[in-house]
Amino acid sequence: MPCYRCGARQTDPVRGASPWKRGVRHEAQVLVCPDCQRAQDLDLDTCPTCASTALICRLGEVECRSCGLVRLAQAPSPGSPDLSGLAAEVEAALNRVLGRN
């Protein structure tokens, strides 16, 4: 998945924690590259309880890593990223690796 701001692709990290950060924007999981993390306004969704941007989105839920609040994800909004191209790209890569036609 590329950085949602600049489109840079994540490469295999050296040993240790990845410098890339996860966030939620318009109810969708996004990645933020180290360069874009320096921006003052990342325009990420915030927790309604504690206002933290440390959110993760999985299986139709959004969880706050700061306070633990879990809520259902809303339907994608018109400004949300279109991941259909990414899904097709991942499917093609899996087909190549697994030798499928």
Protein backbone atom coordinates (compact mmCIF):
# COMPACT_ATOMS: atom_id res chain seq x y z
CA MET A 1 0.00 0.00 0.00
CA PRO A 2 1.47 3.40 -0.92
CA CYS A 3 1.63 6.51 1.24
CA TYR A 4 -1.77 8.17 0.98
CA ARG A 5 -0.21 11.66 0.67
CA CYS A 6 2.65 11.26 -1.80
CA GLY A 7 2.13 7.78 -3.27
CA ALA A 8 5.58 6.47 -2.26
CA ARG A 9 5.72 2.69 -2.01
CA GLN A 10 6.86 1.02 1.18
CA THR A 11 10.01 -1.04 0.77
CA ASP A 12 11.18 -3.95 2.90
CA PRO A 13 12.45 -2.40 6.12
CA VAL A 14 15.77 -3.13 7.68
CA ARG A 15 15.51 -5.14 10.89
CA GLY A 16 13.40 -3.49 13.54
CA ALA A 17 10.26 -1.45 13.53
CA SER A 18 9.07 0.13 10.31
CA PRO A 19 9.35 3.94 10.13
CA TRP A 20 5.99 4.00 8.31
CA LYS A 21 2.91 4.81 10.39
CA ARG A 22 -0.64 3.56 10.04
CA GLY A 23 -3.67 5.76 10.31
CA VAL A 24 -7.31 5.97 9.30
CA ARG A 25 -8.59 8.51 6.81
CA HIS A 26 -12.22 8.60 5.66
CA GLU A 27 -12.81 5.25 7.41
CA ALA A 28 -10.03 3.48 5.48
CA GLN A 29 -6.64 2.25 6.69
CA VAL A 30 -3.78 4.31 5.21
CA LEU A 31 -0.01 4.36 5.49
CA VAL A 32 2.07 7.49 5.99
CA CYS A 33 5.70 7.50 4.84
CA PRO A 34 8.44 8.94 7.07
CA ASP A 35 8.74 12.09 4.92
CA CYS A 36 5.02 12.89 5.03
CA GLN A 37 4.89 12.27 8.80
CA ARG A 38 6.72 15.59 9.20
CA ALA A 39 3.68 17.47 7.83
CA GLN A 40 1.72 19.41 10.42
CA ASP A 41 -1.73 18.45 9.16
CA LEU A 42 -1.96 14.83 8.00
CA ASP A 43 -5.78 15.06 7.76
CA LEU A 44 -6.27 11.73 9.55
CA ASP A 45 -9.45 10.70 11.34
CA THR A 46 -9.44 11.17 15.11
CA CYS A 47 -10.97 9.23 17.97
CA PRO A 48 -14.27 10.78 19.11
CA THR A 49 -13.38 10.00 22.73
CA CYS A 50 -9.74 11.07 23.13
CA ALA A 51 -9.00 12.90 19.81
CA SER A 52 -6.00 10.64 19.10
CA THR A 53 -5.04 9.86 15.49
CA ALA A 54 -3.61 6.46 16.54
CA LEU A 55 -6.43 4.54 14.85
CA ILE A 56 -6.47 1.24 12.98
CA CYS A 57 -9.20 -0.07 10.72
CA ARG A 58 -9.85 -3.78 10.37
CA LEU A 59 -12.78 -6.02 9.51
CA GLY A 60 -15.30 -3.21 9.48
CA GLU A 61 -14.15 -1.75 12.80
CA VAL A 62 -12.04 1.24 13.78
CA GLU A 63 -10.01 0.90 16.98
CA CYS A 64 -8.23 3.65 18.88
CA ARG A 65 -4.80 2.49 20.02
CA SER A 66 -4.73 5.24 22.67
CA CYS A 67 -7.95 4.68 24.61
CA GLY A 68 -9.13 1.32 23.23
CA LEU A 69 -12.47 2.54 21.85
CA VAL A 70 -13.77 0.20 19.14
CA ARG A 71 -16.56 1.30 16.82
CA LEU A 72 -18.07 0.14 13.55
CA ALA A 73 -16.55 1.74 10.46
CA GLN A 74 -18.87 3.95 8.47
CA ALA A 75 -19.48 3.41 4.76
CA PRO A 76 -16.65 4.94 2.68
CA SER A 77 -17.18 8.63 1.98
CA PRO A 78 -16.84 10.24 -1.47
CA GLY A 79 -13.34 11.54 -0.57
CA SER A 80 -12.00 8.15 0.49
CA PRO A 81 -9.21 6.48 -1.48
CA ASP A 82 -10.23 4.08 -4.26
CA LEU A 83 -8.57 0.78 -3.44
CA SER A 84 -10.00 -1.19 -6.38
CA GLY A 85 -6.79 -0.71 -8.39
CA LEU A 86 -4.74 -1.90 -5.45
CA ALA A 87 -6.92 -4.99 -5.06
CA ALA A 88 -6.39 -5.86 -8.74
CA GLU A 89 -2.64 -5.29 -8.39
CA VAL A 90 -2.45 -7.59 -5.35
CA GLU A 91 -4.52 -10.26 -7.10
CA ALA A 92 -2.22 -10.17 -10.15
CA ALA A 93 0.86 -10.43 -7.92
CA LEU A 94 -0.59 -13.41 -6.06
CA ASN A 95 -1.46 -15.09 -9.35
CA ARG A 96 2.14 -14.64 -10.55
CA VAL A 97 3.66 -15.95 -7.33
CA LEU A 98 1.28 -18.89 -7.03
CA GLY A 99 1.47 -19.76 -10.73
CA ARG A 100 -2.22 -19.22 -11.42
CA ASN A 101 -3.52 -18.21 -14.84
